[in-house]
Amino acid sequence: MATDVVDLRTPLDEGRARSLRAGQPVSISGTVYIARDAAHKRLCEAIEAGIRLPFEPAGQIVYYAGPTPARPGKPIGAVGPTTSYRMDPYVEPLLKLGLRGMVGKGVRAHNIGELLRRYGAVYFVATGGAGALLASRVKQAEVIAYPELGPEALRRVEMEGFPAYVAYDAHGGDLYEESQQRWKAQ
């Protein structure tokens, strides 16, 4: 497993996404979009209806989180990752539009690895339970769609040095599977 931190700046092109390998630590900077289940459902309904999305997914990363309210003077509240498998039904329509990365926590459905290979994208994991610490990496935040969803609204954030790991890469690499195999071998 690689140990050198890879600096990533959004937007990501397909070549950069395909260069990443499961297990690599990354530091994400630039624009990232925060959305959970309800926002993903609305995005996919818009895609199906041919309605323009509130952001251009090509080259972007979506972070699966539902931030708490911001404290005075802060751009965002605690913003820890949410369990990713709930977004699995909504992944392919966004990948078809060029989405290059997703950040969350936990394993994904078996078809997600195949979709990442097909579309040249990656799935990152962030540390659960570290929402307050991760919020310190968000420099700006704004709701750009679905404000009635509260914490599940679609947000555009500017991140600096957001720590994560590549969990599933565009070559079939799976950090969870590789870790399990190493554990069994001991």
N, C-alpha and C. Protein backbone atom coordinates (compact mmCIF):
# COMPACT_ATOMS: atom_id res chain seq x y z
N MET A 1 0.85 -1.18 0.00
CA MET A 1 0.00 0.00 0.00
C MET A 1 0.89 1.23 0.00
N ALA A 2 0.57 2.20 -0.86
CA ALA A 2 1.33 3.43 -0.97
C ALA A 2 1.16 4.27 0.29
N THR A 3 2.21 4.99 0.67
CA THR A 3 2.13 5.82 1.87
C THR A 3 2.34 7.30 1.58
N ASP A 4 2.84 7.66 0.41
CA ASP A 4 3.02 9.07 0.08
C ASP A 4 1.66 9.69 -0.22
N VAL A 5 1.38 10.82 0.40
CA VAL A 5 0.11 11.50 0.19
C VAL A 5 0.10 12.13 -1.20
N VAL A 6 -0.97 11.89 -1.94
CA VAL A 6 -1.14 12.44 -3.27
C VAL A 6 -1.98 13.71 -3.16
N ASP A 7 -1.43 14.83 -3.62
CA ASP A 7 -2.18 16.08 -3.62
C ASP A 7 -3.09 16.11 -4.84
N LEU A 8 -4.38 16.28 -4.59
CA LEU A 8 -5.36 16.37 -5.67
C LEU A 8 -6.02 17.73 -5.63
N ARG A 9 -6.19 18.33 -6.80
CA ARG A 9 -6.92 19.59 -6.92
C ARG A 9 -8.03 19.37 -7.93
N THR A 10 -9.24 19.74 -7.54
CA THR A 10 -10.37 19.61 -8.46
C THR A 10 -10.35 20.76 -9.46
N PRO A 11 -10.90 20.55 -10.65
CA PRO A 11 -11.50 19.33 -11.13
C PRO A 11 -10.45 18.27 -11.49
N LEU A 12 -10.87 17.00 -11.46
CA LEU A 12 -10.00 15.88 -11.83
C LEU A 12 -10.33 15.45 -13.25
N ASP A 13 -9.30 15.21 -14.04
CA ASP A 13 -9.58 14.64 -15.35
C ASP A 13 -9.51 13.12 -15.24
N GLU A 14 -9.94 12.44 -16.27
CA GLU A 14 -9.99 10.99 -16.23
C GLU A 14 -8.61 10.38 -16.03
N GLY A 15 -7.59 10.94 -16.67
CA GLY A 15 -6.23 10.41 -16.51
C GLY A 15 -5.76 10.47 -15.07
N ARG A 16 -6.02 11.58 -14.42
CA ARG A 16 -5.62 11.73 -13.01
C ARG A 16 -6.38 10.73 -12.14
N ALA A 17 -7.68 10.59 -12.38
CA ALA A 17 -8.47 9.64 -11.60
C ALA A 17 -7.96 8.22 -11.81
N ARG A 18 -7.62 7.88 -13.05
CA ARG A 18 -7.14 6.53 -13.34
C ARG A 18 -5.73 6.28 -12.80
N SER A 19 -5.01 7.33 -12.48
CA SER A 19 -3.65 7.16 -11.95
C SER A 19 -3.64 6.76 -10.47
N LEU A 20 -4.77 6.92 -9.80
CA LEU A 20 -4.85 6.63 -8.37
C LEU A 20 -5.05 5.14 -8.13
N ARG A 21 -4.54 4.67 -6.99
CA ARG A 21 -4.64 3.26 -6.64
C ARG A 21 -5.22 3.09 -5.24
N ALA A 22 -5.98 2.02 -5.06
CA ALA A 22 -6.58 1.72 -3.77
C ALA A 22 -5.50 1.71 -2.69
N GLY A 23 -5.78 2.36 -1.58
CA GLY A 23 -4.86 2.45 -0.46
C GLY A 23 -4.06 3.73 -0.42
N GLN A 24 -4.02 4.48 -1.51
CA GLN A 24 -3.24 5.72 -1.50
C GLN A 24 -3.92 6.77 -0.63
N PRO A 25 -3.15 7.42 0.25
CA PRO A 25 -3.70 8.57 0.96
C PRO A 25 -3.69 9.79 0.04
N VAL A 26 -4.73 10.59 0.12
CA VAL A 26 -4.84 11.79 -0.72
C VAL A 26 -5.17 13.00 0.13
N SER A 27 -4.87 14.15 -0.42
CA SER A 27 -5.21 15.43 0.18
C SER A 27 -5.97 16.20 -0.91
N ILE A 28 -7.27 16.43 -0.68
CA ILE A 28 -8.13 17.02 -1.71
C ILE A 28 -8.28 18.52 -1.45
N SER A 29 -8.05 19.30 -2.50
CA SER A 29 -8.23 20.75 -2.43
C SER A 29 -9.04 21.20 -3.64
N GLY A 30 -9.77 22.29 -3.48
CA GLY A 30 -10.57 22.84 -4.56
C GLY A 30 -12.05 22.70 -4.28
N THR A 31 -12.84 22.85 -5.31
CA THR A 31 -14.30 22.78 -5.19
C THR A 31 -14.75 21.32 -5.10
N VAL A 32 -15.59 21.05 -4.11
CA VAL A 32 -16.20 19.74 -3.92
C VAL A 32 -17.68 19.99 -3.63
N TYR A 33 -18.53 19.08 -4.03
CA TYR A 33 -19.97 19.21 -3.80
C TYR A 33 -20.38 18.23 -2.72
N ILE A 34 -21.19 18.70 -1.77
CA ILE A 34 -21.68 17.87 -0.67
C ILE A 34 -23.14 17.55 -0.94
N ALA A 35 -23.45 16.25 -0.91
CA ALA A 35 -24.83 15.82 -1.13
C ALA A 35 -25.04 14.46 -0.47
N ARG A 36 -26.24 14.27 0.03
CA ARG A 36 -26.63 12.97 0.60
C ARG A 36 -27.76 12.37 -0.20
N ASP A 37 -28.46 11.42 0.39
CA ASP A 37 -29.49 10.63 -0.27
C ASP A 37 -30.54 11.47 -1.00
N ALA A 38 -31.18 12.37 -0.28
CA ALA A 38 -32.29 13.12 -0.85
C ALA A 38 -31.84 14.00 -2.02
N ALA A 39 -30.69 14.63 -1.90
CA ALA A 39 -30.17 15.45 -3.00
C ALA A 39 -29.80 14.58 -4.20
N HIS A 40 -29.22 13.41 -3.95
CA HIS A 40 -28.89 12.52 -5.06
C HIS A 40 -30.16 12.08 -5.80
N LYS A 41 -31.20 11.79 -5.05
CA LYS A 41 -32.46 11.40 -5.68
C LYS A 41 -32.96 12.51 -6.59
N ARG A 42 -32.90 13.74 -6.11
CA ARG A 42 -33.36 14.88 -6.92
C ARG A 42 -32.47 15.08 -8.15
N LEU A 43 -31.17 14.93 -7.97
CA LEU A 43 -30.26 15.08 -9.11
C LEU A 43 -30.58 14.05 -10.19
N CYS A 44 -30.79 12.82 -9.79
CA CYS A 44 -31.08 11.76 -10.77
C CYS A 44 -32.45 11.95 -11.42
N GLU A 45 -33.42 12.44 -10.67
CA GLU A 45 -34.72 12.76 -11.27
C GLU A 45 -34.57 13.86 -12.31
N ALA A 46 -33.73 14.85 -12.03
CA ALA A 46 -33.49 15.93 -12.99
C ALA A 46 -32.80 15.39 -14.24
N ILE A 47 -31.81 14.52 -14.06
CA ILE A 47 -31.12 13.93 -15.21
C ILE A 47 -32.12 13.18 -16.08
N GLU A 48 -32.95 12.36 -15.44
CA GLU A 48 -33.94 11.56 -16.17
C GLU A 48 -34.93 12.45 -16.92
N ALA A 49 -35.29 13.59 -16.34
CA ALA A 49 -36.25 14.51 -16.96
C ALA A 49 -35.59 15.46 -17.96
N GLY A 50 -34.27 15.39 -18.08
CA GLY A 50 -33.58 16.29 -19.01
C GLY A 50 -33.45 17.71 -18.50
N ILE A 51 -33.55 17.89 -17.19
CA ILE A 51 -33.44 19.22 -16.57
C ILE A 51 -31.97 19.49 -16.24
N ARG A 52 -31.54 20.70 -16.49
CA ARG A 52 -30.15 21.08 -16.19
C ARG A 52 -29.88 20.97 -14.69
N LEU A 53 -28.73 20.39 -14.36
CA LEU A 53 -28.35 20.23 -12.95
C LEU A 53 -27.82 21.54 -12.38
N PRO A 54 -27.86 21.69 -11.05
CA PRO A 54 -27.37 22.91 -10.42
C PRO A 54 -25.84 23.03 -10.41
N PHE A 55 -25.14 22.00 -10.88
CA PHE A 55 -23.70 22.05 -11.06
C PHE A 55 -23.32 21.12 -12.19
N GLU A 56 -22.15 21.33 -12.77
CA GLU A 56 -21.66 20.49 -13.84
C GLU A 56 -20.83 19.37 -13.23
N PRO A 57 -21.29 18.11 -13.29
CA PRO A 57 -20.57 17.01 -12.63
C PRO A 57 -19.21 16.66 -13.24
N ALA A 58 -18.98 17.00 -14.49
CA ALA A 58 -17.74 16.58 -15.16
C ALA A 58 -16.51 17.03 -14.37
N GLY A 59 -15.68 16.05 -14.02
CA GLY A 59 -14.43 16.34 -13.32
C GLY A 59 -14.57 16.59 -11.83
N GLN A 60 -15.76 16.50 -11.31
CA GLN A 60 -15.99 16.88 -9.92
C GLN A 60 -15.98 15.70 -8.96
N ILE A 61 -15.94 16.05 -7.67
CA ILE A 61 -16.02 15.10 -6.57
C ILE A 61 -17.24 15.46 -5.74
N VAL A 62 -18.02 14.43 -5.37
CA VAL A 62 -19.16 14.62 -4.46
C VAL A 62 -18.80 13.96 -3.14
N TYR A 63 -18.99 14.70 -2.07
CA TYR A 63 -18.74 14.22 -0.71
C TYR A 63 -20.08 13.89 -0.08
N TYR A 64 -20.23 12.64 0.37
CA TYR A 64 -21.46 12.19 1.00
C TYR A 64 -21.43 12.61 2.48
N ALA A 65 -22.11 13.70 2.78
CA ALA A 65 -22.12 14.22 4.15
C ALA A 65 -23.37 15.08 4.34
N GLY A 66 -23.74 15.27 5.59
CA GLY A 66 -24.83 16.15 5.97
C GLY A 66 -24.34 17.02 7.10
N PRO A 67 -23.74 18.16 6.78
CA PRO A 67 -23.11 18.98 7.81
C PRO A 67 -24.08 19.52 8.86
N THR A 68 -23.54 19.72 10.05
CA THR A 68 -24.31 20.37 11.10
C THR A 68 -24.26 21.88 10.85
N PRO A 69 -25.12 22.65 11.53
CA PRO A 69 -25.09 24.11 11.34
C PRO A 69 -23.72 24.69 11.70
N ALA A 70 -23.34 25.71 10.96
CA ALA A 70 -22.06 26.38 11.20
C ALA A 70 -22.11 27.22 12.47
N ARG A 71 -21.02 27.22 13.21
CA ARG A 71 -20.89 28.11 14.36
C ARG A 71 -20.56 29.51 13.84
N PRO A 72 -20.81 30.55 14.61
CA PRO A 72 -20.50 31.91 14.15
C PRO A 72 -19.05 32.02 13.68
N GLY A 73 -18.89 32.61 12.51
CA GLY A 73 -17.57 32.82 11.94
C GLY A 73 -16.99 31.63 11.20
N LYS A 74 -17.71 30.53 11.16
CA LYS A 74 -17.22 29.32 10.48
C LYS A 74 -18.07 29.07 9.23
N PRO A 75 -17.48 28.50 8.18
CA PRO A 75 -18.25 28.27 6.95
C PRO A 75 -19.19 27.07 7.02
N ILE A 76 -18.91 26.14 7.94
CA ILE A 76 -19.68 24.90 8.00
C ILE A 76 -19.53 24.29 9.38
N GLY A 77 -20.51 23.48 9.77
CA GLY A 77 -20.41 22.75 11.03
C GLY A 77 -19.67 21.43 10.80
N ALA A 78 -19.77 20.55 11.75
CA ALA A 78 -19.12 19.24 11.63
C ALA A 78 -19.60 18.59 10.33
N VAL A 79 -18.66 17.99 9.60
CA VAL A 79 -18.98 17.48 8.27
C VAL A 79 -18.30 16.13 8.03
N GLY A 80 -18.72 15.16 8.86
CA GLY A 80 -18.17 13.82 8.72
C GLY A 80 -18.86 13.06 7.60
N PRO A 81 -18.20 12.05 7.06
CA PRO A 81 -18.78 11.27 5.96
C PRO A 81 -19.96 10.43 6.44
N THR A 82 -20.89 10.23 5.52
CA THR A 82 -22.01 9.35 5.81
C THR A 82 -21.82 8.03 5.07
N THR A 83 -22.56 7.03 5.46
CA THR A 83 -22.46 5.71 4.86
C THR A 83 -22.83 5.77 3.39
N SER A 84 -21.92 5.32 2.55
CA SER A 84 -22.02 5.55 1.11
C SER A 84 -22.99 4.66 0.37
N TYR A 85 -23.23 3.45 0.85
CA TYR A 85 -24.04 2.53 0.06
C TYR A 85 -25.44 3.07 -0.24
N ARG A 86 -25.92 4.02 0.57
CA ARG A 86 -27.25 4.59 0.30
C ARG A 86 -27.28 5.38 -1.01
N MET A 87 -26.12 5.81 -1.49
CA MET A 87 -26.06 6.56 -2.74
C MET A 87 -25.83 5.64 -3.94
N ASP A 88 -25.60 4.36 -3.71
CA ASP A 88 -25.27 3.44 -4.81
C ASP A 88 -26.27 3.46 -5.96
N PRO A 89 -27.59 3.54 -5.71
CA PRO A 89 -28.52 3.56 -6.84
C PRO A 89 -28.39 4.80 -7.73
N TYR A 90 -27.72 5.84 -7.24
CA TYR A 90 -27.64 7.11 -7.96
C TYR A 90 -26.28 7.35 -8.61
N VAL A 91 -25.37 6.41 -8.51
CA VAL A 91 -24.00 6.63 -8.97
C VAL A 91 -23.89 6.71 -10.49
N GLU A 92 -24.45 5.73 -11.20
CA GLU A 92 -24.20 5.67 -12.65
C GLU A 92 -24.65 6.91 -13.42
N PRO A 93 -25.83 7.46 -13.18
CA PRO A 93 -26.21 8.66 -13.95
C PRO A 93 -25.21 9.80 -13.80
N LEU A 94 -24.63 9.96 -12.62
CA LEU A 94 -23.65 11.04 -12.41
C LEU A 94 -22.30 10.69 -13.06
N LEU A 95 -21.92 9.41 -12.99
CA LEU A 95 -20.68 9.00 -13.66
C LEU A 95 -20.78 9.18 -15.17
N LYS A 96 -21.95 8.92 -15.73
CA LYS A 96 -22.14 9.13 -17.17
C LYS A 96 -21.91 10.58 -17.57
N LEU A 97 -22.14 11.49 -16.63
CA LEU A 97 -21.94 12.92 -16.88
C LEU A 97 -20.52 13.38 -16.53
N GLY A 98 -19.64 12.42 -16.18
CA GLY A 98 -18.24 12.75 -15.96
C GLY A 98 -17.81 12.93 -14.52
N LEU A 99 -18.67 12.61 -13.54
CA LEU A 99 -18.25 12.69 -12.14
C LEU A 99 -17.00 11.83 -11.98
N ARG A 100 -15.97 12.33 -11.31
CA ARG A 100 -14.70 11.62 -11.19
C ARG A 100 -14.44 11.04 -9.81
N GLY A 101 -15.15 11.51 -8.79
CA GLY A 101 -14.88 10.97 -7.47
C GLY A 101 -16.04 11.14 -6.52
N MET A 102 -16.05 10.26 -5.52
CA MET A 102 -17.03 10.29 -4.45
C MET A 102 -16.26 10.06 -3.15
N VAL A 103 -16.66 10.76 -2.10
CA VAL A 103 -16.05 10.58 -0.78
C VAL A 103 -17.15 10.19 0.20
N GLY A 104 -16.89 9.17 0.99
CA GLY A 104 -17.85 8.75 1.99
C GLY A 104 -17.18 7.83 2.99
N LYS A 105 -17.95 6.86 3.48
CA LYS A 105 -17.36 5.84 4.35
C LYS A 105 -18.07 4.52 4.07
N GLY A 106 -17.33 3.45 4.24
CA GLY A 106 -17.90 2.12 4.12
C GLY A 106 -17.83 1.53 2.73
N VAL A 107 -18.15 0.24 2.69
CA VAL A 107 -18.11 -0.51 1.44
C VAL A 107 -19.28 -0.12 0.55
N ARG A 108 -19.12 -0.44 -0.73
CA ARG A 108 -20.14 -0.13 -1.74
C ARG A 108 -20.70 -1.42 -2.31
N ALA A 109 -21.79 -1.30 -3.06
CA ALA A 109 -22.36 -2.45 -3.76
C ALA A 109 -21.34 -3.00 -4.75
N HIS A 110 -21.47 -4.27 -5.07
CA HIS A 110 -20.49 -4.93 -5.95
C HIS A 110 -20.38 -4.27 -7.32
N ASN A 111 -21.45 -3.70 -7.83
CA ASN A 111 -21.39 -3.10 -9.17
C ASN A 111 -20.65 -1.78 -9.20
N ILE A 112 -20.41 -1.16 -8.07
CA ILE A 112 -19.75 0.15 -8.06
C ILE A 112 -18.33 0.05 -8.60
N GLY A 113 -17.60 -0.99 -8.23
CA GLY A 113 -16.25 -1.17 -8.76
C GLY A 113 -16.24 -1.23 -10.27
N GLU A 114 -17.18 -1.95 -10.85
CA GLU A 114 -17.27 -2.05 -12.31
C GLU A 114 -17.59 -0.69 -12.93
N LEU A 115 -18.50 0.06 -12.30
CA LEU A 115 -18.84 1.40 -12.82
C LEU A 115 -17.63 2.33 -12.77
N LEU A 116 -16.83 2.25 -11.71
CA LEU A 116 -15.64 3.09 -11.61
C LEU A 116 -14.65 2.74 -12.71
N ARG A 117 -14.48 1.47 -13.00
CA ARG A 117 -13.59 1.05 -14.10
C ARG A 117 -14.11 1.58 -15.43
N ARG A 118 -15.39 1.40 -15.67
CA ARG A 118 -15.97 1.81 -16.94
C ARG A 118 -15.85 3.32 -17.19
N TYR A 119 -16.11 4.11 -16.15
CA TYR A 119 -16.16 5.56 -16.33
C TYR A 119 -14.90 6.30 -15.89
N GLY A 120 -13.91 5.59 -15.35
CA GLY A 120 -12.67 6.25 -14.95
C GLY A 120 -12.84 7.16 -13.75
N ALA A 121 -13.36 6.61 -12.67
CA ALA A 121 -13.61 7.39 -11.46
C ALA A 121 -13.10 6.63 -10.24
N VAL A 122 -13.11 7.29 -9.08
CA VAL A 122 -12.61 6.69 -7.85
C VAL A 122 -13.57 6.97 -6.69
N TYR A 123 -13.48 6.10 -5.69
CA TYR A 123 -14.22 6.27 -4.46
C TYR A 123 -13.21 6.43 -3.33
N PHE A 124 -13.31 7.56 -2.63
CA PHE A 124 -12.45 7.86 -1.50
C PHE A 124 -13.21 7.62 -0.21
N VAL A 125 -12.48 7.31 0.86
CA VAL A 125 -13.08 7.24 2.18
C VAL A 125 -12.40 8.25 3.10
N ALA A 126 -13.22 8.84 3.95
CA ALA A 126 -12.74 9.77 4.97
C ALA A 126 -13.03 9.14 6.33
N THR A 127 -12.36 9.61 7.34
CA THR A 127 -12.50 9.05 8.67
C THR A 127 -13.84 9.42 9.31
N GLY A 128 -14.63 8.39 9.62
CA GLY A 128 -15.88 8.61 10.32
C GLY A 128 -15.61 9.05 11.75
N GLY A 129 -16.48 9.86 12.30
CA GLY A 129 -16.33 10.33 13.68
C GLY A 129 -15.40 11.52 13.82
N ALA A 130 -14.91 12.04 12.69
CA ALA A 130 -13.97 13.16 12.72
C ALA A 130 -14.56 14.40 12.06
N GLY A 131 -15.88 14.54 12.13
CA GLY A 131 -16.57 15.63 11.45
C GLY A 131 -16.09 17.02 11.82
N ALA A 132 -15.79 17.26 13.10
CA ALA A 132 -15.32 18.58 13.52
C ALA A 132 -13.93 18.86 12.94
N LEU A 133 -13.07 17.86 12.96
CA LEU A 133 -11.73 18.02 12.38
C LEU A 133 -11.82 18.23 10.87
N LEU A 134 -12.63 17.45 10.19
CA LEU A 134 -12.76 17.59 8.74
C LEU A 134 -13.34 18.94 8.36
N ALA A 135 -14.20 19.51 9.20
CA ALA A 135 -14.76 20.83 8.92
C ALA A 135 -13.67 21.89 8.84
N SER A 136 -12.57 21.69 9.54
CA SER A 136 -11.48 22.67 9.50
C SER A 136 -10.83 22.74 8.12
N ARG A 137 -11.09 21.75 7.27
CA ARG A 137 -10.53 21.73 5.90
C ARG A 137 -11.45 22.42 4.90
N VAL A 138 -12.65 22.81 5.35
CA VAL A 138 -13.60 23.51 4.49
C VAL A 138 -13.42 25.01 4.71
N LYS A 139 -13.06 25.73 3.64
CA LYS A 139 -12.78 27.16 3.75
C LYS A 139 -13.97 28.03 3.38
N GLN A 140 -14.85 27.52 2.53
CA GLN A 140 -16.07 28.22 2.14
C GLN A 140 -17.15 27.19 1.89
N ALA A 141 -18.41 27.57 2.12
CA ALA A 141 -19.52 26.67 1.86
C ALA A 141 -20.76 27.48 1.53
N GLU A 142 -21.52 26.97 0.55
CA GLU A 142 -22.80 27.61 0.22
C GLU A 142 -23.77 26.56 -0.30
N VAL A 143 -25.04 26.72 0.08
CA VAL A 143 -26.10 25.87 -0.45
C VAL A 143 -26.38 26.36 -1.86
N ILE A 144 -26.34 25.43 -2.84
CA ILE A 144 -26.61 25.82 -4.22
C ILE A 144 -27.92 25.25 -4.77
N ALA A 145 -28.51 24.29 -4.04
CA ALA A 145 -29.80 23.73 -4.49
C ALA A 145 -30.46 22.96 -3.35
N TYR A 146 -31.76 22.86 -3.42
CA TYR A 146 -32.57 22.08 -2.51
C TYR A 146 -32.43 22.51 -1.04
N PRO A 147 -32.51 23.81 -0.76
CA PRO A 147 -32.34 24.28 0.62
C PRO A 147 -33.37 23.69 1.58
N GLU A 148 -34.54 23.32 1.07
CA GLU A 148 -35.58 22.75 1.92
C GLU A 148 -35.17 21.40 2.51
N LEU A 149 -34.08 20.81 2.00
CA LEU A 149 -33.60 19.54 2.53
C LEU A 149 -32.72 19.70 3.76
N GLY A 150 -32.50 20.93 4.18
CA GLY A 150 -31.69 21.17 5.39
C GLY A 150 -30.29 20.61 5.24
N PRO A 151 -29.85 19.73 6.16
CA PRO A 151 -28.49 19.21 6.09
C PRO A 151 -28.22 18.40 4.82
N GLU A 152 -29.29 17.95 4.15
CA GLU A 152 -29.11 17.17 2.93
C GLU A 152 -29.15 18.02 1.66
N ALA A 153 -29.20 19.35 1.82
CA ALA A 153 -29.17 20.24 0.65
C ALA A 153 -27.85 20.04 -0.11
N LEU A 154 -27.87 20.42 -1.37
CA LEU A 154 -26.66 20.36 -2.19
C LEU A 154 -25.82 21.60 -1.91
N ARG A 155 -24.55 21.35 -1.53
CA ARG A 155 -23.63 22.45 -1.20
C ARG A 155 -22.41 22.42 -2.10
N ARG A 156 -21.89 23.60 -2.39
CA ARG A 156 -20.58 23.75 -3.03
C ARG A 156 -19.63 24.23 -1.95
N VAL A 157 -18.53 23.53 -1.76
CA VAL A 157 -17.55 23.92 -0.75
C VAL A 157 -16.17 24.04 -1.37
N GLU A 158 -15.38 24.86 -0.75
CA GLU A 158 -13.96 24.96 -1.11
C GLU A 158 -13.17 24.29 0.01
N MET A 159 -12.40 23.28 -0.36
CA MET A 159 -11.61 22.53 0.61
C MET A 159 -10.14 22.81 0.42
N GLU A 160 -9.41 22.65 1.49
CA GLU A 160 -7.95 22.76 1.43
C GLU A 160 -7.36 21.64 2.27
N GLY A 161 -6.71 20.70 1.60
CA GLY A 161 -6.02 19.62 2.29
C GLY A 161 -6.94 18.63 2.99
N PHE A 162 -8.07 18.30 2.39
CA PHE A 162 -9.01 17.36 2.98
C PHE A 162 -8.42 15.95 2.89
N PRO A 163 -8.23 15.27 4.04
CA PRO A 163 -7.58 13.97 4.04
C PRO A 163 -8.55 12.82 3.74
N ALA A 164 -8.13 11.92 2.86
CA ALA A 164 -8.93 10.75 2.52
C ALA A 164 -8.00 9.66 2.00
N TYR A 165 -8.59 8.51 1.73
CA TYR A 165 -7.86 7.39 1.13
C TYR A 165 -8.64 6.92 -0.10
N VAL A 166 -7.92 6.43 -1.10
CA VAL A 166 -8.58 5.80 -2.24
C VAL A 166 -9.05 4.43 -1.76
N ALA A 167 -10.35 4.22 -1.77
CA ALA A 167 -10.90 2.93 -1.34
C ALA A 167 -11.11 2.01 -2.53
N TYR A 168 -11.72 2.52 -3.60
CA TYR A 168 -11.91 1.76 -4.84
C TYR A 168 -11.30 2.59 -5.96
N ASP A 169 -10.44 1.96 -6.75
CA ASP A 169 -9.84 2.70 -7.86
C ASP A 169 -10.49 2.30 -9.18
N ALA A 170 -10.02 2.90 -10.26
CA ALA A 170 -10.59 2.66 -11.59
C ALA A 170 -10.01 1.41 -12.25
N HIS A 171 -9.28 0.61 -11.49
CA HIS A 171 -8.67 -0.60 -12.04
C HIS A 171 -9.17 -1.85 -11.31
N GLY A 172 -10.16 -1.71 -10.46
CA GLY A 172 -10.68 -2.84 -9.71
C GLY A 172 -10.06 -2.99 -8.33
N GLY A 173 -9.13 -2.10 -7.97
CA GLY A 173 -8.54 -2.15 -6.64
C GLY A 173 -9.57 -1.80 -5.58
N ASP A 174 -9.55 -2.54 -4.47
CA ASP A 174 -10.53 -2.39 -3.40
C ASP A 174 -9.78 -2.44 -2.06
N LEU A 175 -9.64 -1.31 -1.42
CA LEU A 175 -8.93 -1.22 -0.15
C LEU A 175 -9.52 -2.16 0.89
N TYR A 176 -10.83 -2.27 0.95
CA TYR A 176 -11.46 -3.13 1.94
C TYR A 176 -11.11 -4.60 1.69
N GLU A 177 -11.20 -5.02 0.45
CA GLU A 177 -10.87 -6.40 0.10
C GLU A 177 -9.39 -6.69 0.35
N GLU A 178 -8.53 -5.77 -0.05
CA GLU A 178 -7.09 -5.97 0.14
C GLU A 178 -6.74 -6.03 1.63
N SER A 179 -7.38 -5.19 2.44
CA SER A 179 -7.13 -5.20 3.88
C SER A 179 -7.59 -6.51 4.49
N GLN A 180 -8.73 -7.00 4.05
CA GLN A 180 -9.25 -8.27 4.57
C GLN A 180 -8.31 -9.42 4.21
N GLN A 181 -7.79 -9.42 3.00
CA GLN A 181 -6.87 -10.48 2.58
C GLN A 181 -5.58 -10.44 3.40
N ARG A 182 -5.06 -9.23 3.65
CA ARG A 182 -3.85 -9.11 4.48
C ARG A 182 -4.10 -9.60 5.89
N TRP A 183 -5.28 -9.26 6.44
CA TRP A 183 -5.62 -9.68 7.79
C TRP A 183 -5.72 -11.20 7.87
N LYS A 184 -6.36 -11.83 6.88
CA LYS A 184 -6.50 -13.28 6.86
C LYS A 184 -5.15 -13.97 6.73
N ALA A 185 -4.20 -13.33 6.02
CA ALA A 185 -2.88 -13.93 5.80
C ALA A 185 -2.00 -13.91 7.05
N GLN A 186 -2.37 -13.10 8.04
CA GLN A 186 -1.53 -13.00 9.25
C GLN A 186 -1.74 -14.12 10.20
